[in-house]
Amino acid sequence: MKTVKKIIVIGLILVVAALIGLAMMAFSRADVSEAEDWAKEYLAEMYPKNAITKIKCLPVDSDGDGYVSCPSKLEGLDQPVSIECVGTWPWHWKWLSEGCRPIKANIQ
């Protein structure tokens, strides 16, 4: 009887873990239209002499900080400008953060 209870408990734990994983996947994609608007504003302020030729924000927050990567190409620069901008998430309260910032260095 104890073995059956253990199996049921373990089964329930696995089901809950699977549901949590599915919920995290469902809510991990951002609406990037607002992030791209933030990127345009940030780049216009930081690079006023360079016209923006391309901005493509990625819909996934890879490190869980609420920001998405927005690699951008500017006229007159050989290398893309890498910035992070706040994404719009189903669980995100807009008053918590806004705007863009340079990509954080990932030193290991």
N, C-alpha and C. Protein backbone atom coordinates (compact mmCIF):
# COMPACT_ATOMS: atom_id res chain seq x y z
N MET A 1 0.81 -1.19 0.00
CA MET A 1 0.00 0.00 0.00
C MET A 1 0.86 1.27 0.00
N LYS A 2 1.95 1.25 0.77
CA LYS A 2 2.84 2.41 0.80
C LYS A 2 3.48 2.65 -0.55
N THR A 3 3.79 1.57 -1.26
CA THR A 3 4.40 1.70 -2.58
C THR A 3 3.45 2.39 -3.56
N VAL A 4 2.17 2.05 -3.50
CA VAL A 4 1.17 2.66 -4.38
C VAL A 4 1.06 4.15 -4.07
N LYS A 5 1.06 4.53 -2.80
CA LYS A 5 1.00 5.94 -2.41
C LYS A 5 2.22 6.69 -2.92
N LYS A 6 3.40 6.06 -2.81
CA LYS A 6 4.62 6.71 -3.30
C LYS A 6 4.55 6.94 -4.80
N ILE A 7 4.05 5.95 -5.53
CA ILE A 7 3.93 6.06 -6.98
C ILE A 7 2.96 7.17 -7.34
N ILE A 8 1.84 7.26 -6.63
CA ILE A 8 0.86 8.32 -6.89
C ILE A 8 1.47 9.69 -6.60
N VAL A 9 2.18 9.82 -5.48
CA VAL A 9 2.80 11.10 -5.12
C VAL A 9 3.84 11.50 -6.17
N ILE A 10 4.67 10.56 -6.56
CA ILE A 10 5.69 10.84 -7.58
C ILE A 10 5.02 11.21 -8.90
N GLY A 11 3.96 10.51 -9.27
CA GLY A 11 3.23 10.83 -10.49
C GLY A 11 2.65 12.23 -10.45
N LEU A 12 2.06 12.61 -9.32
CA LEU A 12 1.50 13.96 -9.17
C LEU A 12 2.59 15.02 -9.25
N ILE A 13 3.72 14.75 -8.64
CA ILE A 13 4.85 15.70 -8.71
C ILE A 13 5.30 15.87 -10.16
N LEU A 14 5.39 14.79 -10.89
CA LEU A 14 5.80 14.88 -12.30
C LEU A 14 4.78 15.64 -13.14
N VAL A 15 3.50 15.42 -12.88
CA VAL A 15 2.45 16.13 -13.62
C VAL A 15 2.53 17.63 -13.32
N VAL A 16 2.69 17.99 -12.06
CA VAL A 16 2.80 19.41 -11.68
C VAL A 16 4.04 20.03 -12.32
N ALA A 17 5.17 19.32 -12.29
CA ALA A 17 6.39 19.83 -12.90
C ALA A 17 6.20 20.03 -14.41
N ALA A 18 5.53 19.10 -15.05
CA ALA A 18 5.27 19.24 -16.50
C ALA A 18 4.37 20.44 -16.78
N LEU A 19 3.35 20.64 -15.96
CA LEU A 19 2.46 21.79 -16.14
C LEU A 19 3.20 23.11 -15.93
N ILE A 20 4.07 23.15 -14.95
CA ILE A 20 4.87 24.36 -14.71
C ILE A 20 5.78 24.63 -15.91
N GLY A 21 6.40 23.58 -16.43
CA GLY A 21 7.26 23.73 -17.60
C GLY A 21 6.49 24.24 -18.82
N LEU A 22 5.31 23.71 -19.05
CA LEU A 22 4.49 24.17 -20.17
C LEU A 22 4.06 25.62 -19.99
N ALA A 23 3.71 25.99 -18.77
CA ALA A 23 3.33 27.38 -18.51
C ALA A 23 4.51 28.32 -18.74
N MET A 24 5.69 27.91 -18.32
CA MET A 24 6.88 28.74 -18.53
C MET A 24 7.16 28.91 -20.01
N MET A 25 6.99 27.86 -20.79
CA MET A 25 7.20 27.96 -22.23
C MET A 25 6.17 28.88 -22.86
N ALA A 26 4.91 28.78 -22.41
CA ALA A 26 3.85 29.60 -22.98
C ALA A 26 4.06 31.08 -22.68
N PHE A 27 4.59 31.40 -21.51
CA PHE A 27 4.75 32.79 -21.10
C PHE A 27 6.16 33.33 -21.32
N SER A 28 7.03 32.59 -22.02
CA SER A 28 8.41 33.04 -22.19
C SER A 28 8.62 33.81 -23.49
N ARG A 29 7.59 33.97 -24.28
CA ARG A 29 7.73 34.70 -25.54
C ARG A 29 7.16 36.10 -25.38
N ALA A 30 7.93 37.06 -25.80
CA ALA A 30 7.54 38.46 -25.64
C ALA A 30 6.91 39.00 -26.92
N ASP A 31 6.07 40.00 -26.75
CA ASP A 31 5.60 40.79 -27.87
C ASP A 31 6.70 41.82 -28.13
N VAL A 32 7.37 41.69 -29.27
CA VAL A 32 8.56 42.51 -29.51
C VAL A 32 8.26 43.87 -30.12
N SER A 33 7.01 44.15 -30.46
CA SER A 33 6.71 45.43 -31.09
C SER A 33 7.05 46.59 -30.16
N GLU A 34 6.73 46.47 -28.88
CA GLU A 34 7.07 47.54 -27.94
C GLU A 34 8.58 47.62 -27.73
N ALA A 35 9.25 46.47 -27.68
CA ALA A 35 10.71 46.45 -27.54
C ALA A 35 11.36 47.16 -28.73
N GLU A 36 10.83 46.93 -29.93
CA GLU A 36 11.39 47.59 -31.11
C GLU A 36 11.14 49.09 -31.08
N ASP A 37 10.00 49.50 -30.53
CA ASP A 37 9.75 50.95 -30.37
C ASP A 37 10.75 51.56 -29.39
N TRP A 38 11.00 50.86 -28.27
CA TRP A 38 12.01 51.32 -27.31
C TRP A 38 13.38 51.41 -27.98
N ALA A 39 13.70 50.40 -28.81
CA ALA A 39 15.01 50.37 -29.48
C ALA A 39 15.16 51.57 -30.41
N LYS A 40 14.13 51.90 -31.16
CA LYS A 40 14.20 53.06 -32.06
C LYS A 40 14.47 54.34 -31.27
N GLU A 41 13.76 54.49 -30.17
CA GLU A 41 13.94 55.69 -29.35
C GLU A 41 15.36 55.75 -28.76
N TYR A 42 15.83 54.61 -28.23
CA TYR A 42 17.16 54.54 -27.63
C TYR A 42 18.25 54.83 -28.66
N LEU A 43 18.17 54.19 -29.81
CA LEU A 43 19.20 54.36 -30.84
C LEU A 43 19.20 55.77 -31.41
N ALA A 44 18.02 56.38 -31.55
CA ALA A 44 17.95 57.76 -32.04
C ALA A 44 18.63 58.71 -31.06
N GLU A 45 18.51 58.41 -29.78
CA GLU A 45 19.14 59.26 -28.77
C GLU A 45 20.65 59.00 -28.68
N MET A 46 21.06 57.75 -28.75
CA MET A 46 22.47 57.41 -28.59
C MET A 46 23.29 57.62 -29.86
N TYR A 47 22.67 57.49 -31.02
CA TYR A 47 23.35 57.64 -32.30
C TYR A 47 22.57 58.61 -33.19
N PRO A 48 22.52 59.89 -32.83
CA PRO A 48 21.67 60.83 -33.57
C PRO A 48 22.10 61.06 -35.02
N LYS A 49 23.36 60.79 -35.34
CA LYS A 49 23.85 61.05 -36.70
C LYS A 49 23.72 59.83 -37.62
N ASN A 50 23.33 58.68 -37.07
CA ASN A 50 23.26 57.44 -37.85
C ASN A 50 21.80 57.02 -38.02
N ALA A 51 21.36 56.89 -39.25
CA ALA A 51 20.00 56.43 -39.51
C ALA A 51 19.89 54.93 -39.20
N ILE A 52 18.79 54.54 -38.66
CA ILE A 52 18.54 53.12 -38.34
C ILE A 52 18.11 52.42 -39.61
N THR A 53 18.83 51.35 -39.96
CA THR A 53 18.47 50.61 -41.17
C THR A 53 17.74 49.31 -40.84
N LYS A 54 17.97 48.75 -39.63
CA LYS A 54 17.30 47.50 -39.28
C LYS A 54 17.31 47.30 -37.77
N ILE A 55 16.16 46.91 -37.23
CA ILE A 55 16.04 46.49 -35.84
C ILE A 55 15.26 45.19 -35.83
N LYS A 56 15.79 44.19 -35.16
CA LYS A 56 15.09 42.90 -35.06
C LYS A 56 15.21 42.39 -33.63
N CYS A 57 14.20 42.63 -32.81
CA CYS A 57 14.21 42.14 -31.44
C CYS A 57 13.77 40.68 -31.42
N LEU A 58 14.45 39.89 -30.62
CA LEU A 58 14.15 38.47 -30.50
C LEU A 58 13.04 38.27 -29.47
N PRO A 59 12.11 37.35 -29.70
CA PRO A 59 10.97 37.20 -28.80
C PRO A 59 11.24 36.39 -27.53
N VAL A 60 12.49 36.03 -27.27
CA VAL A 60 12.80 35.19 -26.12
C VAL A 60 13.76 35.92 -25.18
N ASP A 61 13.43 35.89 -23.91
CA ASP A 61 14.29 36.43 -22.87
C ASP A 61 15.21 35.31 -22.40
N SER A 62 16.44 35.30 -22.87
CA SER A 62 17.33 34.16 -22.63
C SER A 62 17.84 34.08 -21.20
N ASP A 63 17.87 35.19 -20.47
CA ASP A 63 18.39 35.12 -19.09
C ASP A 63 17.36 35.48 -18.02
N GLY A 64 16.11 35.64 -18.40
CA GLY A 64 15.04 35.83 -17.43
C GLY A 64 14.99 37.19 -16.75
N ASP A 65 15.59 38.22 -17.35
CA ASP A 65 15.60 39.53 -16.69
C ASP A 65 14.56 40.50 -17.25
N GLY A 66 13.71 40.02 -18.16
CA GLY A 66 12.65 40.87 -18.72
C GLY A 66 13.05 41.64 -19.96
N TYR A 67 14.31 41.55 -20.34
CA TYR A 67 14.82 42.25 -21.53
C TYR A 67 15.05 41.24 -22.65
N VAL A 68 14.78 41.67 -23.89
CA VAL A 68 15.07 40.84 -25.06
C VAL A 68 16.19 41.48 -25.86
N SER A 69 16.95 40.68 -26.56
CA SER A 69 18.04 41.19 -27.39
C SER A 69 17.47 41.84 -28.64
N CYS A 70 18.04 42.99 -28.99
CA CYS A 70 17.60 43.73 -30.17
C CYS A 70 18.82 44.14 -31.00
N PRO A 71 19.41 43.21 -31.75
CA PRO A 71 20.51 43.60 -32.63
C PRO A 71 20.00 44.57 -33.68
N SER A 72 20.76 45.63 -33.90
CA SER A 72 20.32 46.71 -34.78
C SER A 72 21.45 47.13 -35.70
N LYS A 73 21.08 47.50 -36.90
CA LYS A 73 22.05 47.98 -37.88
C LYS A 73 21.81 49.46 -38.11
N LEU A 74 22.91 50.22 -38.06
CA LEU A 74 22.84 51.67 -38.27
C LEU A 74 23.68 52.06 -39.47
N GLU A 75 23.18 53.01 -40.20
CA GLU A 75 23.90 53.53 -41.37
C GLU A 75 25.23 54.14 -40.92
N GLY A 76 26.30 53.78 -41.62
CA GLY A 76 27.61 54.34 -41.30
C GLY A 76 28.41 53.53 -40.29
N LEU A 77 27.83 52.49 -39.71
CA LEU A 77 28.56 51.63 -38.77
C LEU A 77 28.75 50.25 -39.40
N ASP A 78 29.96 49.72 -39.29
CA ASP A 78 30.24 48.41 -39.88
C ASP A 78 29.65 47.26 -39.07
N GLN A 79 29.64 47.41 -37.75
CA GLN A 79 29.17 46.35 -36.86
C GLN A 79 27.76 46.65 -36.35
N PRO A 80 26.94 45.61 -36.13
CA PRO A 80 25.62 45.84 -35.53
C PRO A 80 25.76 46.37 -34.10
N VAL A 81 24.78 47.12 -33.66
CA VAL A 81 24.73 47.60 -32.29
C VAL A 81 23.87 46.61 -31.51
N SER A 82 24.41 46.08 -30.43
CA SER A 82 23.69 45.09 -29.63
C SER A 82 23.14 45.74 -28.37
N ILE A 83 21.82 45.78 -28.28
CA ILE A 83 21.17 46.34 -27.10
C ILE A 83 20.10 45.37 -26.62
N GLU A 84 19.63 45.59 -25.40
CA GLU A 84 18.52 44.83 -24.83
C GLU A 84 17.42 45.82 -24.50
N CYS A 85 16.19 45.46 -24.84
CA CYS A 85 15.05 46.32 -24.54
C CYS A 85 13.98 45.52 -23.81
N VAL A 86 13.17 46.22 -23.04
CA VAL A 86 12.11 45.56 -22.27
C VAL A 86 11.09 44.98 -23.23
N GLY A 87 10.80 43.71 -23.03
CA GLY A 87 9.75 43.06 -23.81
C GLY A 87 8.42 43.17 -23.10
N THR A 88 7.33 42.98 -23.82
CA THR A 88 6.01 42.97 -23.22
C THR A 88 5.62 41.52 -23.01
N TRP A 89 5.46 41.15 -21.76
CA TRP A 89 5.17 39.77 -21.38
C TRP A 89 3.74 39.69 -20.85
N PRO A 90 3.14 38.52 -20.94
CA PRO A 90 1.80 38.36 -20.36
C PRO A 90 1.77 38.65 -18.86
N TRP A 91 2.87 38.45 -18.16
CA TRP A 91 2.94 38.63 -16.72
C TRP A 91 3.66 39.92 -16.32
N HIS A 92 3.98 40.76 -17.27
CA HIS A 92 4.83 41.93 -17.02
C HIS A 92 4.01 43.16 -16.65
N TRP A 93 4.38 43.83 -15.59
CA TRP A 93 3.78 45.11 -15.23
C TRP A 93 4.67 46.20 -15.78
N LYS A 94 4.13 47.04 -16.64
CA LYS A 94 4.92 48.02 -17.37
C LYS A 94 5.65 49.00 -16.47
N TRP A 95 5.15 49.27 -15.30
CA TRP A 95 5.79 50.26 -14.43
C TRP A 95 7.06 49.74 -13.79
N LEU A 96 7.35 48.44 -13.94
CA LEU A 96 8.56 47.89 -13.33
C LEU A 96 9.83 48.30 -14.06
N SER A 97 9.77 48.34 -15.38
CA SER A 97 10.96 48.70 -16.14
C SER A 97 10.53 49.16 -17.53
N GLU A 98 11.40 49.93 -18.14
CA GLU A 98 11.13 50.41 -19.48
C GLU A 98 12.45 50.77 -20.15
N GLY A 99 12.42 50.86 -21.48
CA GLY A 99 13.58 51.31 -22.22
C GLY A 99 14.55 50.22 -22.62
N CYS A 100 15.76 50.66 -22.95
CA CYS A 100 16.80 49.77 -23.45
C CYS A 100 18.12 50.04 -22.69
N ARG A 101 19.04 49.14 -22.91
CA ARG A 101 20.38 49.28 -22.30
C ARG A 101 21.36 48.48 -23.16
N PRO A 102 22.65 48.76 -23.01
CA PRO A 102 23.64 47.94 -23.72
C PRO A 102 23.59 46.50 -23.22
N ILE A 103 23.97 45.58 -24.06
CA ILE A 103 24.01 44.17 -23.67
C ILE A 103 24.97 43.99 -22.50
N LYS A 104 24.56 43.21 -21.51
CA LYS A 104 25.44 42.91 -20.37
C LYS A 104 26.52 41.93 -20.81
N ALA A 105 27.72 42.15 -20.33
CA ALA A 105 28.81 41.22 -20.64
C ALA A 105 28.58 39.92 -19.88
N ASN A 106 28.79 38.81 -20.56
CA ASN A 106 28.62 37.50 -19.94
C ASN A 106 30.00 36.88 -19.74
N ILE A 107 30.63 37.20 -18.62
CA ILE A 107 31.98 36.73 -18.35
C ILE A 107 31.90 35.47 -17.50
N GLN A 108 32.56 34.43 -17.97
CA GLN A 108 32.52 33.16 -17.22
C GLN A 108 33.90 32.73 -16.80
